[in-house]
Amino acid sequence: MEYKTNPVPERVTKMRLQWAASDAKRDAGLTEPEDLEKFRNISYGPYDDWNLLDVYVPKGNMPFPVIINVHGGGYFYGDKNLYRFYCMRLAKAGFAVVNINYRLSPEFRFPAPIEDVMAVMHWIGENSEKFGLDPQNVFMVGDSAGAQITSQFACVFSNPRYADLFGLKAPANVKLRAISLACGMYRLPKSAPDPEKDLIMLDYLGDKAMMEDPRVELHNNITPDYPPTYIFSCYNDFLLTECKPMADFLASKNIEVESCIYGSKEAKEVGHVFHCNMYLEEGEKANMAQLAFFKKHFDKE
């Protein structure tokens, strides 16, 4: 498939390099567990490396409930490789984890990530037997920008009228049971400090006019079919103030929701997306809590 991409400003290239160095420092010394089956670089869509995924599956009785990981990175940074240790930790708890790349900004604009995650859902529906996946027990995790994408995708998946605005349709044989949102921003573009000057937001949406596009605002499209949600942050997360309003909003719509704020103001090391740091005890607590929430929503049949 031939496709065009938008140019990448030097400021984005510079931030990508800086963030990659920080993540490499965080993960220094980690090794991949040997007691998982690992399937890498599987194509799920037409956009080359942008549409690749990995699957990590425990050794044992299949099929396994599925977790899809939607990585963070301000819409412009990140890939599945950076999240492999986190995802493998989740897999060791008894889940098959689908760790995905998706199209980033500014090369691509909204709603490219939403479209890509729906393609992943269809891939799961079509390949579940081959990889030991249970399509009736699918969950999602996302952090930072990935949390916003996950929250919006859950709305698309659960509301056919909203999905129609995107030209998307959920696979009939896949059931999204619950989601977990970490350290995210949940109102676009209203949560941005100054939406008209926020270059990251403009890179993602494309221009100011897109800020009024009816697809951007998800809150008005959340229905009672929205999946149960675990939402968390920490005291030193710069997006901390986003957590409680989103939890309260979901509760006001009679959506099952649990929320938690981790760490303390004094624990500076427990910051934004702390749960991806495999060396932090508080991160382990958060990850086990979100998995416990998922386990409450298994289909027992």
C-alpha atoms as a PDB file:
ATOM      1  CA  MET A   1       0.000   0.000   0.000  1.00  0.00           C
ATOM      2  CA  GLU A   2       1.322   3.434  -0.946  1.00  0.00           C
ATOM      3  CA  TYR A   3       0.718   6.271   1.491  1.00  0.00           C
ATOM      4  CA  LYS A   4       2.042   9.725   2.234  1.00  0.00           C
ATOM      5  CA  THR A   5       3.296  10.991   5.578  1.00  0.00           C
ATOM      6  CA  ASN A   6       3.574  14.499   6.912  1.00  0.00           C
ATOM      7  CA  PRO A   7       7.043  16.004   7.492  1.00  0.00           C
ATOM      8  CA  VAL A   8       8.620  15.701  10.946  1.00  0.00           C
ATOM      9  CA  PRO A   9       9.842  18.979  12.501  1.00  0.00           C
ATOM     10  CA  GLU A  10      13.294  19.030  14.059  1.00  0.00           C
ATOM     11  CA  ARG A  11      11.774  19.690  17.495  1.00  0.00           C
ATOM     12  CA  VAL A  12       9.918  16.338  17.291  1.00  0.00           C
ATOM     13  CA  THR A  13      13.045  14.454  16.231  1.00  0.00           C
ATOM     14  CA  LYS A  14      14.926  15.999  19.135  1.00  0.00           C
ATOM     15  CA  MET A  15      12.239  15.068  21.669  1.00  0.00           C
ATOM     16  CA  ARG A  16      12.088  11.518  20.358  1.00  0.00           C
ATOM     17  CA  LEU A  17      15.813  11.110  20.939  1.00  0.00           C
ATOM     18  CA  GLN A  18      15.644  12.648  24.421  1.00  0.00           C
ATOM     19  CA  TRP A  19      12.714  10.513  25.518  1.00  0.00           C
ATOM     20  CA  ALA A  20      14.302   7.351  24.106  1.00  0.00           C
ATOM     21  CA  ALA A  21      17.456   8.005  26.131  1.00  0.00           C
ATOM     22  CA  SER A  22      15.370   8.459  29.283  1.00  0.00           C
ATOM     23  CA  ASP A  23      13.455   5.220  28.694  1.00  0.00           C
ATOM     24  CA  ALA A  24      16.672   3.304  28.011  1.00  0.00           C
ATOM     25  CA  LYS A  25      18.059   4.522  31.323  1.00  0.00           C
ATOM     26  CA  ARG A  26      14.867   3.420  33.120  1.00  0.00           C
ATOM     27  CA  ASP A  27      15.047  -0.095  31.650  1.00  0.00           C
ATOM     28  CA  ALA A  28      18.797  -0.624  32.015  1.00  0.00           C
ATOM     29  CA  GLY A  29      19.615  -4.091  33.326  1.00  0.00           C
ATOM     30  CA  LEU A  30      16.214  -5.648  32.595  1.00  0.00           C
ATOM     31  CA  THR A  31      16.035  -8.987  30.796  1.00  0.00           C
ATOM     32  CA  GLU A  32      13.149 -10.731  29.103  1.00  0.00           C
ATOM     33  CA  PRO A  33      11.604 -13.659  31.013  1.00  0.00           C
ATOM     34  CA  GLU A  34      12.157 -17.056  29.445  1.00  0.00           C
ATOM     35  CA  ASP A  35       8.871 -18.644  30.502  1.00  0.00           C
ATOM     36  CA  LEU A  36       6.753 -16.924  27.834  1.00  0.00           C
ATOM     37  CA  GLU A  37       6.057 -17.663  24.194  1.00  0.00           C
ATOM     38  CA  LYS A  38       7.008 -14.570  22.156  1.00  0.00           C
ATOM     39  CA  PHE A  39       5.740 -13.860  18.663  1.00  0.00           C
ATOM     40  CA  ARG A  40       7.232 -10.714  17.183  1.00  0.00           C
ATOM     41  CA  ASN A  41       6.690  -8.292  14.326  1.00  0.00           C
ATOM     42  CA  ILE A  42       3.345  -9.600  13.150  1.00  0.00           C
ATOM     43  CA  SER A  43       1.589  -7.401  10.602  1.00  0.00           C
ATOM     44  CA  TYR A  44      -1.979  -6.407  11.461  1.00  0.00           C
ATOM     45  CA  GLY A  45      -2.531  -3.673   8.872  1.00  0.00           C
ATOM     46  CA  PRO A  46      -1.233  -2.032   5.692  1.00  0.00           C
ATOM     47  CA  TYR A  47       1.087   0.588   7.208  1.00  0.00           C
ATOM     48  CA  ASP A  48       4.364  -1.336   7.292  1.00  0.00           C
ATOM     49  CA  ASP A  49       6.260  -1.008  10.610  1.00  0.00           C
ATOM     50  CA  TRP A  50       3.556   1.262  12.003  1.00  0.00           C
ATOM     51  CA  ASN A  51       1.187  -1.726  11.951  1.00  0.00           C
ATOM     52  CA  LEU A  52       3.262  -4.395  13.668  1.00  0.00           C
ATOM     53  CA  LEU A  53       2.473  -6.163  16.922  1.00  0.00           C
ATOM     54  CA  ASP A  54       4.060  -8.649  19.295  1.00  0.00           C
ATOM     55  CA  VAL A  55       2.228 -11.320  21.276  1.00  0.00           C
ATOM     56  CA  TYR A  56       3.490 -12.645  24.626  1.00  0.00           C
ATOM     57  CA  VAL A  57       1.724 -15.792  25.803  1.00  0.00           C
ATOM     58  CA  PRO A  58       2.253 -17.801  29.013  1.00  0.00           C
ATOM     59  CA  LYS A  59       3.185 -21.432  28.629  1.00  0.00           C
ATOM     60  CA  GLY A  60       0.233 -23.541  29.684  1.00  0.00           C
ATOM     61  CA  ASN A  61      -3.413 -24.167  28.957  1.00  0.00           C
ATOM     62  CA  MET A  62      -4.793 -21.955  26.199  1.00  0.00           C
ATOM     63  CA  PRO A  63      -6.677 -19.843  25.327  1.00  0.00           C
ATOM     64  CA  PHE A  64      -5.669 -16.936  27.557  1.00  0.00           C
ATOM     65  CA  PRO A  65      -7.526 -13.696  28.253  1.00  0.00           C
ATOM     66  CA  VAL A  66      -6.027 -10.897  26.167  1.00  0.00           C
ATOM     67  CA  ILE A  67      -4.584  -7.518  27.107  1.00  0.00           C
ATOM     68  CA  ILE A  68      -3.913  -4.988  24.349  1.00  0.00           C
ATOM     69  CA  ASN A  69      -1.270  -2.426  25.282  1.00  0.00           C
ATOM     70  CA  VAL A  70      -1.581   1.068  23.782  1.00  0.00           C
ATOM     71  CA  HIS A  71       1.701   2.800  24.556  1.00  0.00           C
ATOM     72  CA  GLY A  72       2.097   6.416  25.556  1.00  0.00           C
ATOM     73  CA  GLY A  73       4.383   9.084  24.150  1.00  0.00           C
ATOM     74  CA  GLY A  74       2.471  12.275  23.432  1.00  0.00           C
ATOM     75  CA  TYR A  75       1.061  10.783  20.193  1.00  0.00           C
ATOM     76  CA  PHE A  76       4.468  11.321  18.526  1.00  0.00           C
ATOM     77  CA  TYR A  77       6.799   8.915  20.351  1.00  0.00           C
ATOM     78  CA  GLY A  78       7.075   5.288  21.396  1.00  0.00           C
ATOM     79  CA  ASP A  79       6.765   1.776  20.060  1.00  0.00           C
ATOM     80  CA  LYS A  80       6.161  -1.759  21.233  1.00  0.00           C
ATOM     81  CA  ASN A  81       9.832  -2.436  21.896  1.00  0.00           C
ATOM     82  CA  LEU A  82       9.929   0.228  24.622  1.00  0.00           C
ATOM     83  CA  TYR A  83       7.013  -1.480  26.390  1.00  0.00           C
ATOM     84  CA  ARG A  84       8.131  -5.095  26.117  1.00  0.00           C
ATOM     85  CA  PHE A  85       9.264  -5.484  29.745  1.00  0.00           C
ATOM     86  CA  TYR A  86       6.039  -3.989  31.088  1.00  0.00           C
ATOM     87  CA  CYS A  87       3.917  -6.126  28.778  1.00  0.00           C
ATOM     88  CA  MET A  88       5.813  -9.297  29.601  1.00  0.00           C
ATOM     89  CA  ARG A  89       5.246  -8.603  33.282  1.00  0.00           C
ATOM     90  CA  LEU A  90       1.502  -8.516  32.611  1.00  0.00           C
ATOM     91  CA  ALA A  91       1.734 -11.716  30.561  1.00  0.00           C
ATOM     92  CA  LYS A  92       3.417 -13.554  33.441  1.00  0.00           C
ATOM     93  CA  ALA A  93       0.249 -12.949  35.473  1.00  0.00           C
ATOM     94  CA  GLY A  94      -1.703 -15.240  33.129  1.00  0.00           C
ATOM     95  CA  PHE A  95      -2.648 -13.049  30.173  1.00  0.00           C
ATOM     96  CA  ALA A  96      -1.790 -13.089  26.495  1.00  0.00           C
ATOM     97  CA  VAL A  97      -0.521  -9.566  25.846  1.00  0.00           C
ATOM     98  CA  VAL A  98      -0.765  -7.941  22.426  1.00  0.00           C
ATOM     99  CA  ASN A  99       1.831  -5.170  22.353  1.00  0.00           C
ATOM    100  CA  ILE A 100       1.274  -2.849  19.389  1.00  0.00           C
ATOM    101  CA  ASN A 101       2.812  -0.148  17.271  1.00  0.00           C
ATOM    102  CA  TYR A 102       0.399   2.411  15.870  1.00  0.00           C
ATOM    103  CA  ARG A 103       0.755   5.386  13.552  1.00  0.00           C
ATOM    104  CA  LEU A 104       2.269   8.405  15.275  1.00  0.00           C
ATOM    105  CA  SER A 105       1.995  12.125  14.729  1.00  0.00           C
ATOM    106  CA  PRO A 106       2.995  14.273  12.974  1.00  0.00           C
ATOM    107  CA  GLU A 107       3.540  11.705  10.211  1.00  0.00           C
ATOM    108  CA  PHE A 108      -0.135  10.794  10.649  1.00  0.00           C
ATOM    109  CA  ARG A 109      -3.067  12.671  12.145  1.00  0.00           C
ATOM    110  CA  PHE A 110      -6.063  11.835  14.278  1.00  0.00           C
ATOM    111  CA  PRO A 111      -7.860   9.425  14.067  1.00  0.00           C
ATOM    112  CA  ALA A 112      -5.040   7.163  12.812  1.00  0.00           C
ATOM    113  CA  PRO A 113      -4.404   5.491  16.222  1.00  0.00           C
ATOM    114  CA  ILE A 114      -8.130   4.791  16.677  1.00  0.00           C
ATOM    115  CA  GLU A 115      -8.258   3.155  13.261  1.00  0.00           C
ATOM    116  CA  ASP A 116      -5.159   1.097  14.037  1.00  0.00           C
ATOM    117  CA  VAL A 117      -6.485  -0.208  17.354  1.00  0.00           C
ATOM    118  CA  MET A 118      -9.702  -1.288  15.632  1.00  0.00           C
ATOM    119  CA  ALA A 119      -7.550  -3.148  13.092  1.00  0.00           C
ATOM    120  CA  VAL A 120      -5.869  -4.898  16.034  1.00  0.00           C
ATOM    121  CA  MET A 121      -9.285  -5.949  17.339  1.00  0.00           C
ATOM    122  CA  HIS A 122     -10.142  -7.470  13.962  1.00  0.00           C
ATOM    123  CA  TRP A 123      -6.745  -9.194  13.891  1.00  0.00           C
ATOM    124  CA  ILE A 124      -7.501 -10.760  17.282  1.00  0.00           C
ATOM    125  CA  GLY A 125     -10.882 -11.927  16.050  1.00  0.00           C
ATOM    126  CA  GLU A 126      -9.286 -13.549  13.016  1.00  0.00           C
ATOM    127  CA  ASN A 127      -6.166 -15.041  14.661  1.00  0.00           C
ATOM    128  CA  SER A 128      -7.248 -16.055  18.145  1.00  0.00           C
ATOM    129  CA  GLU A 129      -6.887 -19.818  17.663  1.00  0.00           C
ATOM    130  CA  LYS A 130      -3.437 -19.566  16.125  1.00  0.00           C
ATOM    131  CA  PHE A 131      -1.995 -17.627  19.069  1.00  0.00           C
ATOM    132  CA  GLY A 132      -4.026 -19.007  21.971  1.00  0.00           C
ATOM    133  CA  LEU A 133      -6.141 -15.886  22.491  1.00  0.00           C
ATOM    134  CA  ASP A 134      -9.607 -15.747  24.017  1.00  0.00           C
ATOM    135  CA  PRO A 135     -11.518 -13.132  21.963  1.00  0.00           C
ATOM    136  CA  GLN A 136     -14.377 -13.166  24.462  1.00  0.00           C
ATOM    137  CA  ASN A 137     -12.095 -11.854  27.209  1.00  0.00           C
ATOM    138  CA  VAL A 138     -10.229  -8.851  25.812  1.00  0.00           C
ATOM    139  CA  PHE A 139      -8.905  -6.005  27.969  1.00  0.00           C
ATOM    140  CA  MET A 140      -6.942  -2.857  27.222  1.00  0.00           C
ATOM    141  CA  VAL A 141      -4.276  -0.849  29.034  1.00  0.00           C
ATOM    142  CA  GLY A 142      -3.000   2.559  28.019  1.00  0.00           C
ATOM    143  CA  ASP A 143      -0.893   5.260  29.642  1.00  0.00           C
ATOM    144  CA  SER A 144      -0.458   8.988  29.007  1.00  0.00           C
ATOM    145  CA  ALA A 145      -1.464   9.612  25.358  1.00  0.00           C
ATOM    146  CA  GLY A 146      -2.158   5.885  25.161  1.00  0.00           C
ATOM    147  CA  ALA A 147      -4.672   6.269  27.986  1.00  0.00           C
ATOM    148  CA  GLN A 148      -6.500   8.965  26.038  1.00  0.00           C
ATOM    149  CA  ILE A 149      -6.472   6.807  22.903  1.00  0.00           C
ATOM    150  CA  THR A 150      -7.704   3.807  24.905  1.00  0.00           C
ATOM    151  CA  SER A 151     -10.498   5.808  26.551  1.00  0.00           C
ATOM    152  CA  GLN A 152     -11.641   7.098  23.175  1.00  0.00           C
ATOM    153  CA  PHE A 153     -11.338   3.748  21.447  1.00  0.00           C
ATOM    154  CA  ALA A 154     -13.446   2.108  24.170  1.00  0.00           C
ATOM    155  CA  CYS A 155     -16.150   4.633  23.309  1.00  0.00           C
ATOM    156  CA  VAL A 156     -15.857   3.836  19.597  1.00  0.00           C
ATOM    157  CA  PHE A 157     -15.960   0.102  20.298  1.00  0.00           C
ATOM    158  CA  SER A 158     -18.998   0.312  22.565  1.00  0.00           C
ATOM    159  CA  ASN A 159     -21.074   2.921  20.684  1.00  0.00           C
ATOM    160  CA  PRO A 160     -21.909   2.013  17.049  1.00  0.00           C
ATOM    161  CA  ARG A 161     -23.217   5.513  16.318  1.00  0.00           C
ATOM    162  CA  TYR A 162     -19.934   7.054  17.442  1.00  0.00           C
ATOM    163  CA  ALA A 163     -18.021   4.386  15.474  1.00  0.00           C
ATOM    164  CA  ASP A 164     -19.962   5.394  12.360  1.00  0.00           C
ATOM    165  CA  LEU A 165     -18.383   8.863  12.564  1.00  0.00           C
ATOM    166  CA  PHE A 166     -15.016   7.154  12.073  1.00  0.00           C
ATOM    167  CA  GLY A 167     -16.255   4.720   9.444  1.00  0.00           C
ATOM    168  CA  LEU A 168     -15.379   1.846  11.780  1.00  0.00           C
ATOM    169  CA  LYS A 169     -17.170  -1.292  12.925  1.00  0.00           C
ATOM    170  CA  ALA A 170     -16.226  -3.529  15.838  1.00  0.00           C
ATOM    171  CA  PRO A 171     -15.714  -7.262  15.166  1.00  0.00           C
ATOM    172  CA  ALA A 172     -18.702  -9.288  16.300  1.00  0.00           C
ATOM    173  CA  ASN A 173     -16.605 -12.073  17.845  1.00  0.00           C
ATOM    174  CA  VAL A 174     -14.484  -9.873  20.155  1.00  0.00           C
ATOM    175  CA  LYS A 175     -15.692  -8.753  23.583  1.00  0.00           C
ATOM    176  CA  LEU A 176     -13.985  -5.813  25.320  1.00  0.00           C
ATOM    177  CA  ARG A 177     -14.507  -6.596  29.007  1.00  0.00           C
ATOM    178  CA  ALA A 178     -12.685  -3.745  30.793  1.00  0.00           C
ATOM    179  CA  ILE A 179      -9.956  -1.138  30.369  1.00  0.00           C
ATOM    180  CA  SER A 180      -7.258   0.446  32.530  1.00  0.00           C
ATOM    181  CA  LEU A 181      -6.192   4.071  32.084  1.00  0.00           C
ATOM    182  CA  ALA A 182      -2.931   5.371  33.584  1.00  0.00           C
ATOM    183  CA  CYS A 183      -1.713   8.953  33.898  1.00  0.00           C
ATOM    184  CA  GLY A 184      -3.830  10.171  31.014  1.00  0.00           C
ATOM    185  CA  MET A 185      -5.538  13.263  29.655  1.00  0.00           C
ATOM    186  CA  TYR A 186      -9.160  12.610  28.806  1.00  0.00           C
ATOM    187  CA  ARG A 187     -10.710  15.726  27.262  1.00  0.00           C
ATOM    188  CA  LEU A 188      -9.388  16.746  23.868  1.00  0.00           C
ATOM    189  CA  PRO A 189      -8.507  19.448  23.259  1.00  0.00           C
ATOM    190  CA  LYS A 190      -9.827  21.104  26.425  1.00  0.00           C
ATOM    191  CA  SER A 191      -7.267  19.510  28.737  1.00  0.00           C
ATOM    192  CA  ALA A 192      -4.327  20.984  26.835  1.00  0.00           C
ATOM    193  CA  PRO A 193      -2.857  24.037  28.626  1.00  0.00           C
ATOM    194  CA  ASP A 194      -3.574  26.187  25.566  1.00  0.00           C
ATOM    195  CA  PRO A 195      -5.055  24.130  22.709  1.00  0.00           C
ATOM    196  CA  GLU A 196      -4.299  26.813  20.123  1.00  0.00           C
ATOM    197  CA  LYS A 197      -0.609  26.956  21.087  1.00  0.00           C
ATOM    198  CA  ASP A 198       0.007  23.349  22.122  1.00  0.00           C
ATOM    199  CA  LEU A 199       2.211  22.074  19.309  1.00  0.00           C
ATOM    200  CA  ILE A 200       1.871  18.435  20.338  1.00  0.00           C
ATOM    201  CA  MET A 201      -1.907  18.699  20.142  1.00  0.00           C
ATOM    202  CA  LEU A 202      -1.746  20.514  16.813  1.00  0.00           C
ATOM    203  CA  ASP A 203       0.620  17.860  15.464  1.00  0.00           C
ATOM    204  CA  TYR A 204      -1.923  15.209  16.393  1.00  0.00           C
ATOM    205  CA  LEU A 205      -5.135  16.925  15.330  1.00  0.00           C
ATOM    206  CA  GLY A 206      -3.672  18.738  12.350  1.00  0.00           C
ATOM    207  CA  ASP A 207      -5.097  22.234  12.737  1.00  0.00           C
ATOM    208  CA  LYS A 208      -7.359  24.376  14.900  1.00  0.00           C
ATOM    209  CA  ALA A 209     -10.443  23.489  12.871  1.00  0.00           C
ATOM    210  CA  MET A 210     -10.070  19.828  13.882  1.00  0.00           C
ATOM    211  CA  MET A 211     -10.570  20.842  17.503  1.00  0.00           C
ATOM    212  CA  GLU A 212     -14.256  21.279  16.654  1.00  0.00           C
ATOM    213  CA  ASP A 213     -14.561  17.952  14.833  1.00  0.00           C
ATOM    214  CA  PRO A 214     -17.406  15.938  16.465  1.00  0.00           C
ATOM    215  CA  ARG A 215     -15.174  12.855  16.628  1.00  0.00           C
ATOM    216  CA  VAL A 216     -12.685  14.510  18.988  1.00  0.00           C
ATOM    217  CA  GLU A 217     -14.915  14.862  22.060  1.00  0.00           C
ATOM    218  CA  LEU A 218     -15.705  11.446  23.522  1.00  0.00           C
ATOM    219  CA  HIS A 219     -17.574  12.374  26.711  1.00  0.00           C
ATOM    220  CA  ASN A 220     -20.805  13.164  24.880  1.00  0.00           C
ATOM    221  CA  ASN A 221     -20.681   9.739  23.228  1.00  0.00           C
ATOM    222  CA  ILE A 222     -20.166   7.525  26.279  1.00  0.00           C
ATOM    223  CA  THR A 223     -23.100   5.156  26.737  1.00  0.00           C
ATOM    224  CA  PRO A 224     -23.978   2.571  29.426  1.00  0.00           C
ATOM    225  CA  ASP A 225     -22.168   0.013  27.249  1.00  0.00           C
ATOM    226  CA  TYR A 226     -18.806   1.660  27.933  1.00  0.00           C
ATOM    227  CA  PRO A 227     -16.553  -0.980  29.539  1.00  0.00           C
ATOM    228  CA  PRO A 228     -15.730  -1.072  33.269  1.00  0.00           C
ATOM    229  CA  THR A 229     -12.702   1.118  33.904  1.00  0.00           C
ATOM    230  CA  TYR A 230      -9.762   1.166  36.291  1.00  0.00           C
ATOM    231  CA  ILE A 231      -8.117   4.602  36.277  1.00  0.00           C
ATOM    232  CA  PHE A 232      -5.041   5.647  38.203  1.00  0.00           C
ATOM    233  CA  SER A 233      -2.377   8.287  38.570  1.00  0.00           C
ATOM    234  CA  CYS A 234       0.171   9.348  41.207  1.00  0.00           C
ATOM    235  CA  TYR A 235       0.832  12.429  43.299  1.00  0.00           C
ATOM    236  CA  ASN A 236       3.784  13.504  41.159  1.00  0.00           C
ATOM    237  CA  ASP A 237       2.083  12.973  37.807  1.00  0.00           C
ATOM    238  CA  PHE A 238       1.763  16.248  35.872  1.00  0.00           C
ATOM    239  CA  LEU A 239      -1.621  14.942  34.677  1.00  0.00           C
ATOM    240  CA  LEU A 240      -2.853  14.060  38.177  1.00  0.00           C
ATOM    241  CA  THR A 241      -5.764  16.522  37.949  1.00  0.00           C
ATOM    242  CA  GLU A 242      -7.212  14.531  35.035  1.00  0.00           C
ATOM    243  CA  CYS A 243      -7.794  11.328  37.008  1.00  0.00           C
ATOM    244  CA  LYS A 244     -10.605  12.151  39.439  1.00  0.00           C
ATOM    245  CA  PRO A 245     -12.763  14.150  36.974  1.00  0.00           C
ATOM    246  CA  MET A 246     -12.702  11.251  34.514  1.00  0.00           C
ATOM    247  CA  ALA A 247     -13.508   8.724  37.229  1.00  0.00           C
ATOM    248  CA  ASP A 248     -16.341  10.919  38.510  1.00  0.00           C
ATOM    249  CA  PHE A 249     -17.699  11.422  35.000  1.00  0.00           C
ATOM    250  CA  LEU A 250     -17.799   7.694  34.305  1.00  0.00           C
ATOM    251  CA  ALA A 251     -19.474   7.059  37.645  1.00  0.00           C
ATOM    252  CA  SER A 252     -22.084   9.722  36.822  1.00  0.00           C
ATOM    253  CA  LYS A 253     -22.904   7.714  33.691  1.00  0.00           C
ATOM    254  CA  ASN A 254     -23.316   4.547  35.769  1.00  0.00           C
ATOM    255  CA  ILE A 255     -20.123   3.021  34.378  1.00  0.00           C
ATOM    256  CA  GLU A 256     -18.327   0.748  36.820  1.00  0.00           C
ATOM    257  CA  VAL A 257     -15.120   2.505  37.752  1.00  0.00           C
ATOM    258  CA  GLU A 258     -12.349   2.145  40.328  1.00  0.00           C
ATOM    259  CA  SER A 259      -9.608   4.728  40.794  1.00  0.00           C
ATOM    260  CA  CYS A 260      -6.448   5.108  42.832  1.00  0.00           C
ATOM    261  CA  ILE A 261      -3.698   7.674  43.343  1.00  0.00           C
ATOM    262  CA  TYR A 262      -0.331   6.048  44.060  1.00  0.00           C
ATOM    263  CA  GLY A 263       2.821   7.181  45.804  1.00  0.00           C
ATOM    264  CA  SER A 264       3.111  10.376  47.822  1.00  0.00           C
ATOM    265  CA  LYS A 265       4.179  13.961  47.265  1.00  0.00           C
ATOM    266  CA  GLU A 266       7.515  13.095  48.868  1.00  0.00           C
ATOM    267  CA  ALA A 267       8.147  10.080  46.578  1.00  0.00           C
ATOM    268  CA  LYS A 268       9.481  12.025  43.594  1.00  0.00           C
ATOM    269  CA  GLU A 269      10.545   8.847  41.821  1.00  0.00           C
ATOM    270  CA  VAL A 270       6.870   7.841  41.510  1.00  0.00           C
ATOM    271  CA  GLY A 271       5.937  10.116  38.644  1.00  0.00           C
ATOM    272  CA  HIS A 272       4.247  10.091  35.266  1.00  0.00           C
ATOM    273  CA  VAL A 273       3.773   6.507  33.922  1.00  0.00           C
ATOM    274  CA  PHE A 274       5.577   5.150  37.000  1.00  0.00           C
ATOM    275  CA  HIS A 275       3.965   1.747  36.491  1.00  0.00           C
ATOM    276  CA  CYS A 276       6.189   1.129  33.451  1.00  0.00           C
ATOM    277  CA  ASN A 277       9.265   1.231  35.673  1.00  0.00           C
ATOM    278  CA  MET A 278       9.854  -2.398  36.596  1.00  0.00           C
ATOM    279  CA  TYR A 279      12.120  -1.353  39.480  1.00  0.00           C
ATOM    280  CA  LEU A 280       9.415   0.549  41.390  1.00  0.00           C
ATOM    281  CA  GLU A 281       7.427  -1.236  44.091  1.00  0.00           C
ATOM    282  CA  GLU A 282       4.595   1.256  43.656  1.00  0.00           C
ATOM    283  CA  GLY A 283       4.479   0.415  39.956  1.00  0.00           C
ATOM    284  CA  GLU A 284       4.096  -3.261  40.769  1.00  0.00           C
ATOM    285  CA  LYS A 285       1.212  -2.435  43.118  1.00  0.00           C
ATOM    286  CA  ALA A 286      -0.566  -0.486  40.386  1.00  0.00           C
ATOM    287  CA  ASN A 287      -0.072  -3.208  37.809  1.00  0.00           C
ATOM    288  CA  MET A 288      -1.354  -5.933  40.099  1.00  0.00           C
ATOM    289  CA  ALA A 289      -4.377  -3.777  40.959  1.00  0.00           C
ATOM    290  CA  GLN A 290      -5.343  -3.282  37.331  1.00  0.00           C
ATOM    291  CA  LEU A 291      -4.972  -7.011  36.681  1.00  0.00           C
ATOM    292  CA  ALA A 292      -7.140  -7.800  39.716  1.00  0.00           C
ATOM    293  CA  PHE A 293      -9.772  -5.456  38.282  1.00  0.00           C
ATOM    294  CA  PHE A 294      -9.632  -7.312  34.963  1.00  0.00           C
ATOM    295  CA  LYS A 295      -9.962 -10.692  36.622  1.00  0.00           C
ATOM    296  CA  LYS A 296     -13.253  -9.590  38.164  1.00  0.00           C
ATOM    297  CA  HIS A 297     -14.624  -9.216  34.621  1.00  0.00           C
ATOM    298  CA  PHE A 298     -13.688 -12.531  33.039  1.00  0.00           C
ATOM    299  CA  ASP A 299     -16.447 -14.289  31.181  1.00  0.00           C
ATOM    300  CA  LYS A 300     -16.788 -17.465  33.231  1.00  0.00           C
ATOM    301  CA  GLU A 301     -18.795 -19.404  30.647  1.00  0.00           C
END
